[in-house]
């Protein structure tokens, strides 16, 4: 009888222990699942907040594009709804698309024009090569010193002409003399004749210093514009001047009454 009682007590104690263990496991699982749910909820909230912030920044960027702020109080106080921002953004995209198509059409037209000009250039090159009167002798390149000498002679001649023509008595005389000098001395035919004389003088001087046979002049290929007749050359000589060698350098003897 005593043995059966002890066995029953031990059995009941074991059952109670197992029951308490199951309750502890259930409580632990409940706490763990609650922690997982809280963590998931927190992560979801953070992700949602990031998404909303990204959308907000996107609308702010669109607002800057469709309605740029100028820094003043009126512009900074402008508020637009999201639908208005999207509508303006769509309109801007459509307008930019049309502009892109126009630019592409212009580029295509320019490419065709360039292609046509290249074809014309090739045709002209063939015509020049096939021209029997074309002088194919090598042209001596013009040195920088020669260019500088031509520029110096031209500048000095024009300055001396200007200095001898201008009257400094009063502003009215000064302005009148400047205008007269420009109208009289800066005519295309006079400028062309002056430059032609300078080029001829410089080339002759270079030929005397270093004569070379069968070499084409670097200045003979320069086409100088003249719209006067040969009979006017003497008048141009008198009005502008004639290039004469003088000493080490060539000086242009000018008429101070130009």
Protein backbone atom coordinates (compact mmCIF):
# COMPACT_ATOMS: atom_id res chain seq x y z
CA UNK A 1 0.00 0.00 0.00
CA UNK A 2 2.79 2.38 0.89
CA UNK A 3 4.69 1.42 -2.25
CA UNK A 4 1.72 2.22 -4.43
CA UNK A 5 1.29 5.61 -2.77
CA UNK A 6 4.90 6.56 -3.37
CA UNK A 7 4.69 5.49 -6.98
CA UNK A 8 1.57 7.58 -7.46
CA UNK A 9 3.22 10.62 -5.93
CA UNK A 10 6.26 10.23 -8.13
CA UNK A 11 4.04 9.87 -11.18
CA UNK A 12 2.06 12.99 -10.31
CA UNK A 13 5.24 14.95 -9.68
CA UNK A 14 6.62 13.91 -13.07
CA UNK A 15 3.42 14.89 -14.79
CA UNK A 16 3.42 18.28 -13.10
CA UNK A 17 7.04 18.83 -14.09
CA UNK A 18 6.31 18.03 -17.73
CA UNK A 19 3.27 20.31 -17.68
CA UNK A 20 5.26 23.19 -16.21
CA UNK A 21 7.99 22.63 -18.81
CA UNK A 22 5.42 22.76 -21.58
CA UNK A 23 4.02 25.99 -20.15
CA UNK A 24 7.49 27.52 -20.01
CA UNK A 25 8.15 26.51 -23.61
CA UNK A 26 4.86 28.03 -24.71
CA UNK A 27 5.60 31.26 -22.85
CA UNK A 28 9.08 31.43 -24.38
CA UNK A 29 7.73 30.81 -27.85
CA UNK A 30 5.07 33.47 -27.29
CA UNK A 31 7.69 36.01 -26.19
CA UNK A 32 9.99 35.07 -29.08
CA UNK A 33 7.20 35.35 -31.67
CA UNK A 34 6.20 38.71 -30.23
CA UNK A 35 9.80 39.94 -30.52
CA UNK A 36 9.97 38.73 -34.11
CA UNK A 37 6.71 40.48 -34.94
CA UNK A 38 7.93 43.70 -33.33
CA UNK A 39 11.20 43.55 -35.23
CA UNK A 40 9.41 42.88 -38.50
CA UNK A 41 7.00 45.73 -37.81
CA UNK A 42 9.90 48.06 -37.09
CA UNK A 43 11.72 47.04 -40.27
CA UNK A 44 8.54 47.49 -42.29
CA UNK A 45 7.98 50.93 -40.77
CA UNK A 46 11.55 51.99 -41.55
CA UNK A 47 11.27 50.72 -45.13
CA UNK A 48 7.98 52.55 -45.58
CA UNK A 49 9.51 55.74 -44.21
CA UNK A 50 12.46 55.46 -46.59
CA UNK A 51 10.06 54.92 -49.49
CA UNK A 52 8.06 58.00 -48.55
CA UNK A 53 11.20 60.07 -48.13
CA UNK A 54 12.41 58.96 -51.56
CA UNK A 55 9.07 59.92 -53.12
CA UNK A 56 9.20 63.28 -51.35
CA UNK A 57 12.71 63.98 -52.60
CA UNK A 58 11.64 62.96 -56.10
CA UNK A 59 8.76 65.42 -56.09
CA UNK A 60 11.05 68.13 -54.72
CA UNK A 61 13.46 67.48 -57.58
CA UNK A 62 10.64 67.63 -60.12
CA UNK A 63 9.43 70.87 -58.56
CA UNK A 64 12.92 72.34 -59.00
CA UNK A 65 12.86 71.35 -62.67
CA UNK A 66 9.37 72.51 -63.55
CA UNK A 67 9.40 75.58 -61.28
CA UNK A 68 13.01 76.51 -60.39
CA UNK A 69 13.42 78.56 -57.25
CA UNK A 70 15.12 81.94 -57.64
CA UNK A 71 15.83 82.47 -53.97
CA UNK A 72 13.32 85.28 -53.45
CA UNK A 73 10.43 85.11 -51.03
CA UNK A 74 7.78 84.74 -53.73
CA UNK A 75 9.45 81.78 -55.40
CA UNK A 76 10.35 80.05 -52.14
CA UNK A 77 6.75 80.26 -50.95
CA UNK A 78 5.32 78.53 -54.02
CA UNK A 79 3.57 75.28 -53.18
CA UNK A 80 2.28 72.89 -55.80
CA UNK A 81 0.31 69.70 -55.48
CA UNK A 82 1.80 66.42 -56.58
CA UNK A 83 -0.64 66.16 -59.47
CA UNK A 84 0.36 69.63 -60.72
CA UNK A 85 4.03 68.73 -60.46
CA UNK A 86 3.49 65.52 -62.42
CA UNK A 87 1.42 67.34 -65.06
CA UNK A 88 4.10 70.00 -65.54
CA UNK A 89 6.82 67.34 -65.63
CA UNK A 90 4.96 65.42 -68.35
CA UNK A 91 4.51 68.64 -70.36
CA UNK A 92 8.21 69.40 -70.01
CA UNK A 93 9.18 65.90 -71.16
CA UNK A 94 6.93 66.24 -74.21
CA UNK A 95 8.38 69.66 -75.04
CA UNK A 96 11.94 68.39 -74.66
CA UNK A 97 11.09 65.44 -76.88
CA UNK A 98 9.90 67.79 -79.63
CA UNK A 99 13.04 69.91 -79.25
CA UNK A 100 15.16 66.77 -79.51
CA UNK A 101 13.44 65.80 -82.74
CA UNK A 102 14.03 69.29 -84.14
CA UNK A 103 17.70 69.19 -83.19
CA UNK A 104 18.10 65.76 -84.74
CA UNK A 105 16.51 67.04 -87.93
CA UNK A 106 18.88 70.02 -87.94
CA UNK A 107 21.88 67.75 -87.39
CA UNK A 108 20.75 65.49 -90.22
CA UNK A 109 20.34 68.50 -92.51
CA UNK A 110 23.80 69.80 -91.59
CA UNK A 111 25.33 66.38 -92.19
CA UNK A 112 23.80 66.32 -95.66
CA UNK A 113 25.12 69.82 -96.31
CA UNK A 114 28.62 68.82 -95.17
CA UNK A 115 28.49 65.76 -97.40
CA UNK A 116 27.46 67.90 -100.37
CA UNK A 117 30.22 70.43 -99.68
CA UNK A 118 32.80 67.65 -99.47
CA UNK A 119 31.65 66.34 -102.83
CA UNK A 120 31.94 69.84 -104.30
CA UNK A 121 35.40 70.20 -102.79
CA UNK A 122 36.53 66.93 -104.35
CA UNK A 123 35.12 67.99 -107.72
CA UNK A 124 36.94 71.32 -107.55
CA UNK A 125 40.16 69.56 -106.63
CA UNK A 126 39.79 67.32 -109.68
CA UNK A 127 39.12 70.36 -111.87
CA UNK A 128 42.24 72.09 -110.55
CA UNK A 129 44.36 68.98 -111.08
CA UNK A 130 43.08 68.52 -114.63
CA UNK A 131 43.56 72.19 -115.54
CA UNK A 132 46.53 72.43 -117.98
CA UNK A 133 47.20 76.02 -116.94
CA UNK A 134 47.60 75.01 -113.32
CA UNK A 135 51.09 75.72 -112.04
CA UNK A 136 52.07 72.66 -110.04
CA UNK A 137 55.42 73.95 -108.91
CA UNK A 138 55.96 73.86 -105.20
CA UNK A 139 55.17 77.05 -103.35
CA UNK A 140 57.71 78.14 -100.83
CA UNK A 141 56.03 78.56 -97.43
CA UNK A 142 55.95 82.10 -96.14
CA UNK A 143 58.06 82.49 -93.02
CA UNK A 144 56.84 84.22 -89.89
CA UNK A 145 59.51 86.90 -90.30
CA UNK A 146 58.21 87.73 -93.76
CA UNK A 147 54.65 87.93 -92.48
CA UNK A 148 55.77 90.19 -89.67
CA UNK A 149 57.66 92.42 -92.11
CA UNK A 150 54.59 92.74 -94.33
CA UNK A 151 52.44 93.59 -91.34
CA UNK A 152 54.99 96.13 -90.08
CA UNK A 153 55.22 97.89 -93.43
CA UNK A 154 51.45 97.99 -93.80
CA UNK A 155 50.93 99.29 -90.25
CA UNK A 156 53.66 101.92 -90.53
CA UNK A 157 52.31 103.14 -93.85
CA UNK A 158 48.77 103.45 -92.57
CA UNK A 159 49.91 105.15 -89.37
CA UNK A 160 52.01 107.72 -91.23
CA UNK A 161 49.11 108.38 -93.57
CA UNK A 162 46.79 108.80 -90.59
CA UNK A 163 49.23 111.02 -88.72
CA UNK A 164 49.73 113.32 -91.68
CA UNK A 165 46.03 113.59 -92.41
CA UNK A 166 44.51 114.20 -88.99
CA UNK A 167 43.93 117.72 -87.67
CA UNK A 168 44.03 118.20 -83.88
CA UNK A 169 42.82 121.81 -83.61
CA UNK A 170 39.40 120.93 -82.20
CA UNK A 171 37.14 117.96 -81.72
CA UNK A 172 35.06 118.86 -84.76
CA UNK A 173 38.21 119.11 -86.92
CA UNK A 174 39.51 115.84 -85.45
CA UNK A 175 36.30 113.91 -86.09
CA UNK A 176 35.94 115.37 -89.58
CA UNK A 177 39.54 114.54 -90.50
CA UNK A 178 39.22 110.98 -89.14
CA UNK A 179 36.05 110.38 -91.14
CA UNK A 180 37.61 111.85 -94.28
CA UNK A 181 40.74 109.73 -93.81
CA UNK A 182 38.69 106.56 -93.45
CA UNK A 183 36.55 107.38 -96.49
CA UNK A 184 39.48 108.40 -98.68
CA UNK A 185 42.40 106.23 -97.59
CA UNK A 186 40.64 103.01 -96.61
CA UNK A 187 38.97 102.31 -99.91
CA UNK A 188 39.29 98.68 -101.05
CA UNK A 189 41.20 99.54 -104.21
CA UNK A 190 43.72 101.68 -102.33
CA UNK A 191 44.22 99.09 -99.62
CA UNK A 192 44.64 96.37 -102.25
CA UNK A 193 47.17 98.44 -104.20
CA UNK A 194 49.10 99.23 -101.03
CA UNK A 195 49.26 95.58 -100.01
CA UNK A 196 50.25 94.54 -103.52
CA UNK A 197 53.10 97.07 -103.48
CA UNK A 198 54.29 95.87 -100.09
CA UNK A 199 54.22 92.22 -101.15
CA UNK A 200 56.10 93.01 -104.34
CA UNK A 201 58.74 94.97 -102.46
CA UNK A 202 59.23 92.28 -99.81
CA UNK A 203 59.45 89.53 -102.40
CA UNK A 204 61.97 91.46 -104.49
CA UNK A 205 64.07 92.11 -101.40
CA UNK A 206 64.00 88.41 -100.44
CA UNK A 207 64.91 87.44 -104.00
CA UNK A 208 67.95 89.73 -103.94
CA UNK A 209 69.05 88.34 -100.59
CA UNK A 210 68.61 84.65 -101.48
CA UNK A 211 68.03 84.09 -105.22
CA UNK A 212 66.57 80.70 -106.04
CA UNK A 213 65.91 79.52 -109.60
CA UNK A 214 62.66 77.90 -110.69
CA UNK A 215 60.96 78.55 -107.37
CA UNK A 216 57.48 79.88 -107.27
CA UNK A 217 56.95 83.08 -105.34
CA UNK A 218 54.93 82.69 -102.15
CA UNK A 219 53.15 85.95 -103.03
CA UNK A 220 52.26 85.24 -106.64
CA UNK A 221 49.46 82.97 -105.48
CA UNK A 222 47.91 85.77 -103.41
CA UNK A 223 44.92 87.14 -105.27
CA UNK A 224 44.76 90.86 -104.46
CA UNK A 225 41.36 92.48 -104.98
CA UNK A 226 41.41 95.49 -107.23
CA UNK A 227 38.48 97.19 -108.87
CA UNK A 228 40.43 99.96 -110.60
CA UNK A 229 41.79 100.16 -114.13
CA UNK A 230 45.53 100.24 -114.99
CA UNK A 231 45.26 103.95 -115.71
CA UNK A 232 44.44 104.60 -112.07
CA UNK A 233 47.72 103.07 -110.81
CA UNK A 234 49.52 106.36 -111.12
CA UNK A 235 46.86 108.13 -109.08
CA UNK A 236 47.05 105.43 -106.44
CA UNK A 237 50.82 105.79 -106.32
CA UNK A 238 50.40 109.47 -105.71
CA UNK A 239 47.67 109.05 -103.08
CA UNK A 240 49.08 106.11 -101.12
CA UNK A 241 52.74 105.86 -101.85
CA UNK A 242 55.31 103.63 -103.49
CA UNK A 243 57.54 101.03 -101.87
CA UNK A 244 61.21 101.87 -102.29
CA UNK A 245 64.20 99.98 -100.87
CA UNK A 246 65.98 102.17 -98.36
CA UNK A 247 68.99 100.97 -96.42
CA UNK A 248 68.69 97.66 -94.63
CA UNK A 249 64.87 97.56 -94.59
CA UNK A 250 62.28 98.51 -97.15
CA UNK A 251 60.30 101.61 -96.33
CA UNK A 252 57.16 102.78 -98.04
CA UNK A 253 57.39 106.37 -99.17
CA UNK A 254 53.92 107.74 -98.55
CA UNK A 255 52.12 110.88 -99.44
CA UNK A 256 51.28 112.62 -96.14
CA UNK A 257 48.28 114.27 -97.76
CA UNK A 258 46.31 111.04 -97.99
